[in-house]
Amino acid sequence: MRHYSSVSSVTMIGLNAYRIAVEVDVDKKAVIHDIDIVGLGDTVVKESKKRVKSALKNSGFPFPRGKITINLAPSDIKKEGSYLDLPMAVGILKASDIVQKDISKFLFFGELGLDGTVRKVRGVLPALLKLSEEKEKPTVILPASNESEASILKNIDAYTVKNLSELVAFLNGNIKKNPIAYKEPELKHIVAEDFSDIKGQEFAKRAAEVAAAGAHNLLLKGSPGCGKTMLARRIPGILPRMSLEEAIETTKIYSVASLLDGKGLVIERPFRSPHHTASTTAIIGGGSEAKPGEISLAHNGVLFLDELPEFRRDVLEALRQPLEDGDVTISRARLTVTYPARFMLVAAQNPCPCGWYGDRSHECSCSWNDIKRYNKKISGPIEDRIDIFVDMPRLEFSEYSEKRKSESSKNIRERVERARERQYARMKVLGKYFNSQLNHREIEELISLDSTGAKLLESAVEKLRLTGRSVDKVLKVSLTIADLEGSEKVLPRHIAEAIQYRKKEVNL
């Protein structure tokens, strides 16, 4: 005697969700009593049979005797993770006639504890977003811990359950439940650390404002204690408030990475600061499950690399393509995943290994070769992808003891937002958002220099030995400075300020 059931669910590959059918066949006449899972599942999926069996028994449901075959269709798509526990259990309950009502309209996903509890799973938001795009409004059963992610979507009916007993009672109509109520996302700006806390460093603060306005990559160089990290940590506070589209993009990545911690929508711009010992996989992403790395977790926010020359060479070189393209593709034997990685890079470094080269009060203890070797750890191609270079001197006591508060993050952010609005109005037809995204052809179309500006730029190319990419960087930064000023044209003074932000050669 055979019993068959089919339960709908989803599987995630990167940020993409695919509908799958969990088919359960129970052969009660079979001599061997076991569960066999087929359909290209990973190790976690294969282990589901032990969790499902214990969860059913400990929830008070009889486990069917015989051979149980579970097929995850289509079989050519790789299935990963523990969110197929719940649909497998429901399939067995349906095939055993314990669930008696029609469940064809439902989709299930969730992990099972051995006691029958339904536990939180990662990647719920991307899956729900994909389902919400379908013509017919889907009905989904989720773990109660994933409620916050489902509450930000309109075109979906989602119900949460805490355990298998509650789920069976709901499916059989013994209890009633209301779908998760939609909550209007509140996109507000939360500033914990303010620019007004920074003493002195007016040139560096201006450079940070320009960088934030055009989403330009920034490198801060200075001796220990000059305020590099302090300045970098306050940059998210002067970036514009995230749009709903940006917030959903960022939340999808954090959902797949299991970093939401019960929060619904990520409304603050990310600030990621990995340690310099981080591996390429940690920064770029990857591993057996092709999880997003730090550059994707910093999407729509800031990636801060402190002590930049101390990062491994292969890690820094791996940043080249994401910095140019705004996304990263991770290829494995059975799958290829693309994650967004449009972030603002902020890096910091000392001028030499001991940190005191060029300081007026401290003597540098490094040799000529030490300083040269230290500064050459950052390759030319990586430096070419940095728009703004800033040397930060050590604070004098008069600056440190200054009682007057400097300009607040709120005031700076208002100027940045106005500059971003000008950029978006100018570039929305190009499908771009920031000046830093412009290519050479677009720069030529948007920027027309007068004779004075052209001569100034030509002189800078000769003296600073700028590459073609560096010239484009100067022009893009000039355009951002003009946007901050509200100028329709890039003027010579904008070019002059942008040139100040190029790298200064170390005189050894």
Protein backbone atom coordinates (compact mmCIF):
# COMPACT_ATOMS: atom_id res chain seq x y z
CA MET A 1 0.00 0.00 0.00
CA ARG A 2 1.41 3.35 -1.05
CA HIS A 3 0.61 6.90 0.05
CA TYR A 4 1.75 9.97 -1.88
CA SER A 5 1.73 13.74 -1.24
CA SER A 6 3.30 16.85 -2.78
CA VAL A 7 4.15 20.02 -0.83
CA SER A 8 5.31 23.34 -2.30
CA SER A 9 8.41 25.11 -1.04
CA VAL A 10 11.36 27.17 -2.32
CA THR A 11 15.11 26.81 -2.51
CA MET A 12 17.63 29.64 -2.51
CA ILE A 13 20.66 30.05 -4.76
CA GLY A 14 22.34 33.26 -3.70
CA LEU A 15 19.62 35.94 -3.72
CA ASN A 16 17.45 34.02 -6.18
CA ALA A 17 14.52 31.86 -5.08
CA TYR A 18 13.20 28.89 -7.06
CA ARG A 19 9.92 27.06 -6.47
CA ILE A 20 10.31 23.36 -5.78
CA ALA A 21 7.97 20.47 -5.04
CA VAL A 22 8.69 18.20 -2.07
CA GLU A 23 7.19 14.85 -3.09
CA VAL A 24 6.70 12.20 -0.43
CA ASP A 25 5.99 8.54 -1.16
CA VAL A 26 5.33 6.08 1.70
CA ASP A 27 5.61 2.37 0.86
CA LYS A 28 4.16 0.61 3.91
CA LYS A 29 4.85 -2.87 2.50
CA ALA A 30 8.61 -2.31 2.25
CA VAL A 31 10.81 -4.45 4.48
CA ILE A 32 13.39 -1.70 5.05
CA HIS A 33 12.07 1.19 7.20
CA ASP A 34 14.06 4.28 6.28
CA ILE A 35 13.86 7.76 4.71
CA ASP A 36 15.61 8.29 1.39
CA ILE A 37 16.02 11.90 0.16
CA VAL A 38 16.79 12.43 -3.54
CA GLY A 39 16.94 15.52 -5.74
CA LEU A 40 20.44 17.04 -5.39
CA GLY A 41 20.31 18.06 -1.73
CA ASP A 42 23.43 19.04 0.23
CA THR A 43 24.60 17.50 3.51
CA VAL A 44 22.23 19.64 5.61
CA VAL A 45 19.28 18.51 3.46
CA LYS A 46 20.34 14.86 3.79
CA GLU A 47 20.46 15.26 7.58
CA SER A 48 16.86 16.51 7.57
CA LYS A 49 15.51 12.96 7.81
CA LYS A 50 16.84 12.65 11.37
CA ARG A 51 15.41 15.99 12.46
CA VAL A 52 12.05 15.30 10.79
CA LYS A 53 11.70 11.84 12.33
CA SER A 54 12.47 13.03 15.86
CA ALA A 55 10.29 16.15 15.48
CA LEU A 56 7.25 14.10 14.41
CA LYS A 57 7.63 11.54 17.21
CA ASN A 58 8.26 14.15 19.93
CA SER A 59 5.24 16.14 18.73
CA GLY A 60 3.00 13.12 19.40
CA PHE A 61 2.44 12.09 15.76
CA PRO A 62 2.86 8.43 14.70
CA PHE A 63 5.74 7.93 12.31
CA PRO A 64 4.69 5.75 9.33
CA ARG A 65 6.28 2.33 9.05
CA GLY A 66 7.84 1.45 5.73
CA LYS A 67 10.13 3.01 3.14
CA ILE A 68 9.72 6.78 2.72
CA THR A 69 11.11 8.37 -0.44
CA ILE A 70 11.32 12.18 -0.57
CA ASN A 71 12.04 13.76 -3.96
CA LEU A 72 13.01 17.42 -4.27
CA ALA A 73 11.90 18.45 -7.77
CA PRO A 74 13.24 19.67 -10.11
CA SER A 75 16.21 17.43 -9.49
CA ASP A 76 18.75 19.47 -11.46
CA ILE A 77 18.69 22.44 -9.04
CA LYS A 78 20.97 22.20 -6.00
CA LYS A 79 19.16 22.50 -2.66
CA GLU A 80 20.94 23.83 0.41
CA GLY A 81 20.06 24.63 4.01
CA SER A 82 17.59 23.46 6.61
CA TYR A 83 14.44 25.29 5.45
CA LEU A 84 13.14 22.13 3.72
CA ASP A 85 12.64 20.37 7.09
CA LEU A 86 9.12 21.75 7.48
CA PRO A 87 7.78 20.84 4.00
CA MET A 88 9.23 17.32 4.37
CA ALA A 89 7.44 16.87 7.70
CA VAL A 90 4.17 18.25 6.28
CA GLY A 91 4.50 15.91 3.28
CA ILE A 92 4.83 12.89 5.59
CA LEU A 93 1.87 14.06 7.69
CA LYS A 94 -0.23 14.54 4.56
CA ALA A 95 0.74 11.16 3.13
CA SER A 96 -0.20 9.59 6.49
CA ASP A 97 -3.63 11.34 6.47
CA ILE A 98 -2.82 13.22 9.68
CA VAL A 99 -3.19 16.48 7.71
CA GLN A 100 -6.59 15.98 6.07
CA LYS A 101 -7.37 19.31 4.41
CA ASP A 102 -6.12 20.45 0.99
CA ILE A 103 -2.71 22.16 1.32
CA SER A 104 -2.02 22.81 -2.36
CA LYS A 105 -2.26 26.60 -1.95
CA PHE A 106 0.37 26.72 0.83
CA LEU A 107 4.14 27.04 0.63
CA PHE A 108 6.23 25.91 3.59
CA PHE A 109 9.74 26.56 4.79
CA GLY A 110 11.38 26.30 8.19
CA GLU A 111 13.89 24.30 10.21
CA LEU A 112 12.73 21.73 12.75
CA GLY A 113 14.07 21.15 16.23
CA LEU A 114 14.06 17.62 17.61
CA ASP A 115 11.17 18.60 19.90
CA GLY A 116 9.03 19.76 16.97
CA THR A 117 9.68 23.51 17.27
CA VAL A 118 9.87 25.45 14.01
CA ARG A 119 13.08 27.45 13.93
CA LYS A 120 14.21 30.55 12.07
CA VAL A 121 15.82 30.13 8.64
CA ARG A 122 17.91 32.46 6.52
CA GLY A 123 16.97 33.91 3.13
CA VAL A 124 13.25 34.38 3.88
CA LEU A 125 12.98 37.94 2.52
CA PRO A 126 14.43 37.20 -0.96
CA ALA A 127 12.17 34.15 -1.19
CA LEU A 128 9.06 36.14 -0.21
CA LEU A 129 9.95 38.94 -2.62
CA LYS A 130 10.17 36.44 -5.47
CA LEU A 131 6.83 34.86 -4.51
CA SER A 132 5.14 38.27 -4.18
CA GLU A 133 5.87 38.95 -7.87
CA GLU A 134 3.63 36.05 -8.96
CA LYS A 135 0.16 36.73 -10.42
CA GLU A 136 -1.69 34.78 -7.74
CA LYS A 137 -1.21 35.93 -4.18
CA PRO A 138 0.79 33.18 -2.43
CA THR A 139 0.06 31.81 1.04
CA VAL A 140 3.17 30.96 3.04
CA ILE A 141 3.80 29.19 6.35
CA LEU A 142 6.87 30.55 8.16
CA PRO A 143 8.70 30.17 11.48
CA ALA A 144 7.47 32.71 14.04
CA SER A 145 11.05 34.06 14.29
CA ASN A 146 10.90 35.23 10.65
CA GLU A 147 7.76 37.35 11.14
CA SER A 148 9.61 40.69 10.95
CA GLU A 149 10.84 39.96 7.41
CA ALA A 150 7.37 39.04 6.14
CA SER A 151 5.75 42.11 7.71
CA ILE A 152 7.33 44.52 5.20
CA LEU A 153 5.64 42.95 2.15
CA LYS A 154 2.11 43.67 0.92
CA ASN A 155 1.27 41.20 -1.84
CA ILE A 156 1.54 38.03 0.23
CA ASP A 157 -0.38 36.12 2.93
CA ALA A 158 2.07 34.79 5.50
CA TYR A 159 1.24 32.80 8.62
CA THR A 160 3.70 31.93 11.37
CA VAL A 161 3.84 28.80 13.53
CA LYS A 162 5.91 27.91 16.57
CA ASN A 163 5.76 24.11 16.36
CA LEU A 164 4.39 21.17 14.39
CA SER A 165 1.38 20.65 16.67
CA GLU A 166 0.21 24.22 16.08
CA LEU A 167 0.75 23.83 12.33
CA VAL A 168 -1.32 20.61 12.06
CA ALA A 169 -4.14 22.16 14.10
CA PHE A 170 -4.14 25.20 11.78
CA LEU A 171 -4.04 23.15 8.55
CA ASN A 172 -6.90 20.93 9.74
CA GLY A 173 -8.98 23.98 10.66
CA ASN A 174 -8.98 23.32 14.42
CA ILE A 175 -7.54 26.76 15.18
CA LYS A 176 -7.69 30.05 13.34
CA LYS A 177 -4.77 32.33 12.64
CA ASN A 178 -4.54 35.77 11.08
CA PRO A 179 -1.94 36.52 8.41
CA ILE A 180 0.98 38.73 9.35
CA ALA A 181 -0.06 42.39 9.26
CA TYR A 182 1.78 44.70 6.89
CA LYS A 183 3.91 47.34 8.63
CA GLU A 184 4.80 50.50 6.75
CA PRO A 185 8.62 50.71 6.79
CA GLU A 186 9.89 53.71 8.72
CA LEU A 187 13.02 54.95 6.96
CA LYS A 188 14.68 57.24 9.45
CA HIS A 189 18.25 58.37 9.92
CA ILE A 190 19.96 57.17 13.10
CA VAL A 191 23.23 58.94 13.91
CA ALA A 192 25.11 57.55 16.90
CA GLU A 193 28.41 59.30 16.22
CA ASP A 194 28.51 62.90 15.02
CA PHE A 195 31.03 64.89 12.98
CA SER A 196 30.89 67.62 15.62
CA ASP A 197 32.95 65.32 17.90
CA ILE A 198 35.98 65.61 15.60
CA LYS A 199 38.54 68.22 16.62
CA GLY A 200 40.36 70.06 13.84
CA GLN A 201 41.06 68.13 10.61
CA GLU A 202 38.98 70.54 8.51
CA PHE A 203 40.61 69.44 5.24
CA ALA A 204 39.88 65.76 5.98
CA LYS A 205 36.27 66.53 6.95
CA ARG A 206 35.76 68.46 3.72
CA ALA A 207 37.23 65.53 1.77
CA ALA A 208 34.85 63.15 3.56
CA GLU A 209 31.91 65.38 2.61
CA VAL A 210 32.96 65.38 -1.05
CA ALA A 211 33.46 61.60 -0.95
CA ALA A 212 30.01 61.05 0.59
CA ALA A 213 28.33 63.37 -1.91
CA GLY A 214 29.63 61.47 -4.94
CA ALA A 215 30.13 57.99 -3.37
CA HIS A 216 33.86 58.33 -4.03
CA ASN A 217 36.45 55.95 -2.56
CA LEU A 218 38.59 57.60 0.11
CA LEU A 219 42.03 56.87 1.60
CA LEU A 220 43.06 58.52 4.87
CA LYS A 221 46.78 58.56 5.69
CA GLY A 222 48.24 59.83 8.94
CA SER A 223 50.15 59.04 12.09
CA PRO A 224 48.59 57.06 14.97
CA GLY A 225 45.91 58.93 16.90
CA CYS A 226 45.25 61.64 14.31
CA GLY A 227 41.58 60.65 13.99
CA LYS A 228 41.43 58.44 10.87
CA THR A 229 39.16 55.78 12.36
CA MET A 230 37.07 58.36 14.20
CA LEU A 231 36.39 60.19 10.93
CA ALA A 232 35.65 57.00 8.98
CA ARG A 233 33.10 55.75 11.52
CA ARG A 234 31.13 58.99 11.17
CA ILE A 235 30.83 58.90 7.39
CA PRO A 236 27.59 56.80 7.37
CA GLY A 237 26.03 59.63 9.39
CA ILE A 238 26.46 62.12 6.54
CA LEU A 239 25.22 59.77 3.83
CA PRO A 240 21.62 60.29 2.66
CA ARG A 241 18.81 58.30 4.24
CA MET A 242 18.30 54.96 2.47
CA SER A 243 15.46 54.69 -0.01
CA LEU A 244 12.98 51.80 0.31
CA GLU A 245 14.60 50.10 -2.70
CA GLU A 246 18.07 50.35 -1.12
CA ALA A 247 16.77 49.14 2.24
CA ILE A 248 15.16 46.05 0.66
CA GLU A 249 18.33 45.30 -1.36
CA THR A 250 20.45 45.47 1.79
CA THR A 251 17.99 43.47 3.89
CA LYS A 252 17.94 40.67 1.30
CA ILE A 253 21.70 40.27 1.63
CA TYR A 254 21.57 40.29 5.43
CA SER A 255 18.72 37.77 5.35
CA VAL A 256 20.75 35.34 3.22
CA ALA A 257 23.74 35.86 5.54
CA SER A 258 21.59 35.23 8.68
CA LEU A 259 22.50 38.64 10.13
CA LEU A 260 19.08 40.24 10.62
CA ASP A 261 18.83 39.29 14.33
CA GLY A 262 15.06 39.72 14.46
CA LYS A 263 15.05 43.08 12.68
CA GLY A 264 12.68 43.64 9.80
CA LEU A 265 14.11 46.15 7.37
CA VAL A 266 17.71 47.33 7.53
CA ILE A 267 17.22 51.10 7.61
CA GLU A 268 20.75 52.22 8.54
CA ARG A 269 23.49 52.32 5.95
CA PRO A 270 25.89 49.45 6.64
CA PHE A 271 29.34 50.11 8.05
CA ARG A 272 31.57 47.06 7.76
CA SER A 273 35.06 47.06 9.24
CA PRO A 274 36.76 43.67 8.75
CA HIS A 275 40.08 42.97 10.49
CA HIS A 276 43.20 43.05 8.32
CA THR A 277 43.71 39.30 8.88
CA ALA A 278 40.44 38.53 7.01
CA SER A 279 40.68 36.01 4.15
CA THR A 280 39.65 36.56 0.54
CA THR A 281 36.55 34.42 1.12
CA ALA A 282 35.53 36.55 4.12
CA ILE A 283 35.91 39.79 2.15
CA ILE A 284 34.65 38.75 -1.30
CA GLY A 285 32.29 35.93 -0.30
CA GLY A 286 32.20 32.24 -1.06
CA GLY A 287 32.65 29.05 0.91
CA SER A 288 30.73 25.85 0.31
CA GLU A 289 27.39 27.72 0.37
CA ALA A 290 28.65 30.75 -1.60
CA LYS A 291 27.62 33.18 1.14
CA PRO A 292 27.98 36.96 0.71
CA GLY A 293 31.22 38.52 1.94
CA GLU A 294 32.01 41.85 3.56
CA ILE A 295 31.83 43.78 0.28
CA SER A 296 28.23 42.63 -0.24
CA LEU A 297 27.32 43.23 3.41
CA ALA A 298 28.58 46.81 2.85
CA HIS A 299 26.24 47.25 -0.16
CA ASN A 300 24.68 50.76 -0.11
CA GLY A 301 27.01 51.66 2.75
CA VAL A 302 30.67 51.91 3.74
CA LEU A 303 33.43 49.31 3.72
CA PHE A 304 36.20 50.50 6.05
CA LEU A 305 39.61 48.86 5.70
CA ASP A 306 41.79 50.04 8.58
CA GLU A 307 45.53 49.46 8.30
CA LEU A 308 45.14 48.95 4.56
CA PRO A 309 48.76 47.83 3.80
CA GLU A 310 48.40 45.04 6.41
CA PHE A 311 45.70 43.28 4.36
CA ARG A 312 46.97 40.38 2.28
CA ARG A 313 47.88 41.27 -1.29
CA ASP A 314 45.45 38.76 -2.81
CA VAL A 315 42.59 40.21 -0.72
CA LEU A 316 43.24 43.74 -1.98
CA GLU A 317 43.63 42.65 -5.59
CA ALA A 318 40.31 40.80 -5.39
CA LEU A 319 38.62 44.17 -4.76
CA ARG A 320 39.46 45.44 -8.26
CA GLN A 321 36.46 44.05 -10.15
CA PRO A 322 33.80 44.78 -7.47
CA LEU A 323 35.03 48.37 -7.17
CA GLU A 324 34.53 48.83 -10.90
CA ASP A 325 31.34 46.82 -11.51
CA GLY A 326 29.40 47.17 -8.25
CA ASP A 327 28.77 43.43 -7.96
CA VAL A 328 30.69 40.21 -7.42
CA THR A 329 30.22 36.80 -9.01
CA ILE A 330 31.16 33.70 -7.00
CA SER A 331 31.60 30.52 -9.03
CA ARG A 332 31.59 27.03 -7.58
CA ALA A 333 31.47 23.58 -9.16
CA ARG A 334 27.68 23.31 -9.06
CA LEU A 335 26.53 26.93 -8.87
CA THR A 336 27.33 30.51 -9.79
CA VAL A 337 26.00 33.32 -7.59
CA THR A 338 26.09 37.08 -8.14
CA TYR A 339 25.75 39.46 -5.18
CA PRO A 340 25.48 43.27 -5.36
CA ALA A 341 28.52 45.09 -3.96
CA ARG A 342 28.02 48.80 -4.56
CA PHE A 343 29.83 50.27 -1.58
CA MET A 344 31.91 53.30 -0.70
CA LEU A 345 35.45 52.23 0.18
CA VAL A 346 37.08 54.13 3.03
CA ALA A 347 40.61 53.01 3.87
CA ALA A 348 43.16 54.18 6.42
CA GLN A 349 46.89 53.66 6.79
CA ASN A 350 49.97 54.98 8.52
CA PRO A 351 52.69 56.67 6.43
CA CYS A 352 55.24 54.02 7.45
CA PRO A 353 55.50 50.87 9.63
CA CYS A 354 56.23 52.83 12.84
CA GLY A 355 53.64 55.45 11.88
CA TRP A 356 55.68 58.61 12.40
CA TYR A 357 57.22 59.35 9.01
CA GLY A 358 56.80 63.05 8.25
CA ASP A 359 55.64 63.99 11.75
CA ARG A 360 57.16 67.20 13.10
CA SER A 361 57.48 66.01 16.70
CA HIS A 362 58.19 62.27 16.49
CA GLU A 363 61.26 60.72 14.91
CA CYS A 364 60.60 57.94 12.40
CA SER A 365 62.51 54.73 13.23
CA CYS A 366 61.97 53.08 9.84
CA SER A 367 64.65 52.58 7.22
CA TRP A 368 64.31 53.84 3.67
CA ASN A 369 63.59 50.30 2.44
CA ASP A 370 60.98 49.73 5.19
CA ILE A 371 59.02 52.83 4.18
CA LYS A 372 59.26 52.02 0.48
CA ARG A 373 58.21 48.39 0.97
CA TYR A 374 55.30 49.40 3.25
CA ASN A 375 53.86 51.92 0.78
CA LYS A 376 54.26 49.52 -2.16
CA LYS A 377 51.98 46.95 -0.54
CA ILE A 378 49.08 48.77 -2.19
CA SER A 379 49.35 48.17 -5.92
CA GLY A 380 48.95 50.83 -8.60
CA PRO A 381 45.68 49.39 -9.93
CA ILE A 382 44.11 49.55 -6.45
CA GLU A 383 45.31 53.12 -5.91
CA ASP A 384 43.86 54.02 -9.31
CA ARG A 385 40.45 53.00 -7.99
CA ILE A 386 40.67 55.42 -5.05
CA ASP A 387 39.25 58.84 -5.87
CA ILE A 388 40.38 60.91 -2.89
CA PHE A 389 43.64 60.78 -0.91
CA VAL A 390 43.93 62.73 2.33
CA ASP A 391 46.96 63.29 4.56
CA MET A 392 45.89 63.84 8.15
CA PRO A 393 48.45 65.56 10.40
CA ARG A 394 48.70 64.94 14.15
CA LEU A 395 46.49 67.28 16.19
CA GLU A 396 48.13 70.19 17.97
CA PHE A 397 47.14 70.73 21.61
CA SER A 398 45.37 73.98 20.73
CA GLU A 399 43.10 72.06 18.35
CA TYR A 400 42.52 69.25 20.84
CA SER A 401 41.54 71.66 23.63
CA GLU A 402 39.23 73.72 21.38
CA LYS A 403 35.83 74.04 23.12
CA ARG A 404 33.90 75.22 20.09
CA LYS A 405 31.89 72.45 18.44
CA SER A 406 32.48 71.91 14.74
CA GLU A 407 29.72 71.42 12.17
CA SER A 408 27.23 68.64 12.89
CA SER A 409 26.59 65.56 10.74
CA LYS A 410 23.02 66.80 10.15
CA ASN A 411 24.17 70.00 8.43
CA ILE A 412 26.73 68.17 6.30
CA ARG A 413 24.19 65.49 5.37
CA GLU A 414 21.74 68.13 4.09
CA ARG A 415 24.38 69.38 1.63
CA VAL A 416 25.23 65.82 0.62
CA GLU A 417 21.56 65.03 0.00
CA ARG A 418 21.13 68.09 -2.23
CA ALA A 419 24.23 67.10 -4.21
CA ARG A 420 22.93 63.54 -4.59
CA GLU A 421 19.57 64.85 -5.81
CA ARG A 422 21.34 66.86 -8.53
CA GLN A 423 23.30 63.78 -9.58
CA TYR A 424 20.23 61.56 -9.72
CA ALA A 425 18.27 64.10 -11.78
CA ARG A 426 21.18 64.32 -14.22
CA MET A 427 21.98 60.61 -14.49
CA LYS A 428 18.69 58.74 -14.04
CA VAL A 429 18.42 58.37 -17.82
CA LEU A 430 21.76 56.53 -17.67
CA GLY A 431 20.54 54.18 -14.93
CA LYS A 432 23.19 55.51 -12.53
CA TYR A 433 23.06 57.28 -9.20
CA PHE A 434 26.44 58.80 -8.33
CA ASN A 435 29.23 60.69 -10.08
CA SER A 436 31.66 57.92 -9.11
CA GLN A 437 29.79 55.55 -11.47
CA LEU A 438 30.40 57.62 -14.61
CA ASN A 439 32.54 56.14 -17.37
CA HIS A 440 34.90 58.07 -19.66
CA ARG A 441 32.36 58.68 -22.43
CA GLU A 442 29.76 59.96 -19.97
CA ILE A 443 32.32 62.25 -18.34
CA GLU A 444 33.12 63.81 -21.71
CA GLU A 445 29.41 64.38 -22.38
CA LEU A 446 28.68 65.94 -18.98
CA ILE A 447 31.80 68.02 -18.32
CA SER A 448 32.99 70.85 -20.53
CA LEU A 449 36.04 72.72 -19.20
CA ASP A 450 36.99 76.27 -20.12
CA SER A 451 40.55 77.06 -21.21
CA THR A 452 41.71 77.85 -17.66
CA GLY A 453 40.34 74.60 -16.26
CA ALA A 454 41.82 72.58 -19.14
CA LYS A 455 45.29 74.09 -18.61
CA LEU A 456 45.08 73.45 -14.88
CA LEU A 457 44.22 69.80 -15.48
CA GLU A 458 46.97 69.42 -18.10
CA SER A 459 49.53 70.81 -15.65
CA ALA A 460 48.37 68.36 -12.97
CA VAL A 461 48.69 65.41 -15.37
CA GLU A 462 52.31 66.33 -16.11
CA LYS A 463 53.38 67.03 -12.52
CA LEU A 464 51.52 64.18 -10.81
CA ARG A 465 51.96 61.71 -13.70
CA LEU A 466 48.26 60.86 -13.68
CA THR A 467 46.94 57.87 -15.61
CA GLY A 468 43.84 58.07 -17.78
CA ARG A 469 41.76 56.57 -14.98
CA SER A 470 43.19 59.12 -12.52
CA VAL A 471 42.22 62.00 -14.83
CA ASP A 472 38.69 60.64 -14.92
CA LYS A 473 38.75 60.51 -11.11
CA VAL A 474 39.76 64.18 -10.93
CA LEU A 475 36.94 65.16 -13.26
CA LYS A 476 34.35 63.10 -11.38
CA VAL A 477 35.41 64.61 -8.05
CA SER A 478 35.30 68.08 -9.64
CA LEU A 479 31.73 67.42 -10.76
CA THR A 480 30.79 66.39 -7.21
CA ILE A 481 32.33 69.59 -5.80
CA ALA A 482 30.28 71.58 -8.33
CA ASP A 483 27.16 69.70 -7.22
CA LEU A 484 27.85 70.54 -3.57
CA GLU A 485 28.18 74.19 -4.58
CA GLY A 486 25.05 74.07 -6.75
CA SER A 487 27.02 75.08 -9.86
CA GLU A 488 25.81 74.03 -13.30
CA LYS A 489 29.37 73.95 -14.66
CA VAL A 490 32.70 72.57 -13.47
CA LEU A 491 34.83 75.64 -12.84
CA PRO A 492 38.63 75.96 -12.42
CA ARG A 493 38.28 76.19 -8.62
CA HIS A 494 36.48 72.85 -8.61
CA ILE A 495 39.31 71.31 -10.65
CA ALA A 496 41.88 72.85 -8.29
CA GLU A 497 40.23 71.36 -5.21
CA ALA A 498 39.89 67.94 -6.86
CA ILE A 499 43.60 67.94 -7.75
CA GLN A 500 44.42 68.45 -4.06
CA TYR A 501 42.79 65.12 -3.36
CA ARG A 502 45.15 63.13 -5.57
CA LYS A 503 47.98 61.08 -4.07
CA LYS A 504 51.10 62.92 -2.95
CA GLU A 505 54.36 61.10 -3.64
CA VAL A 506 56.42 60.07 -0.61
CA ASN A 507 59.81 61.77 -0.81
CA LEU A 508 62.35 59.27 0.40
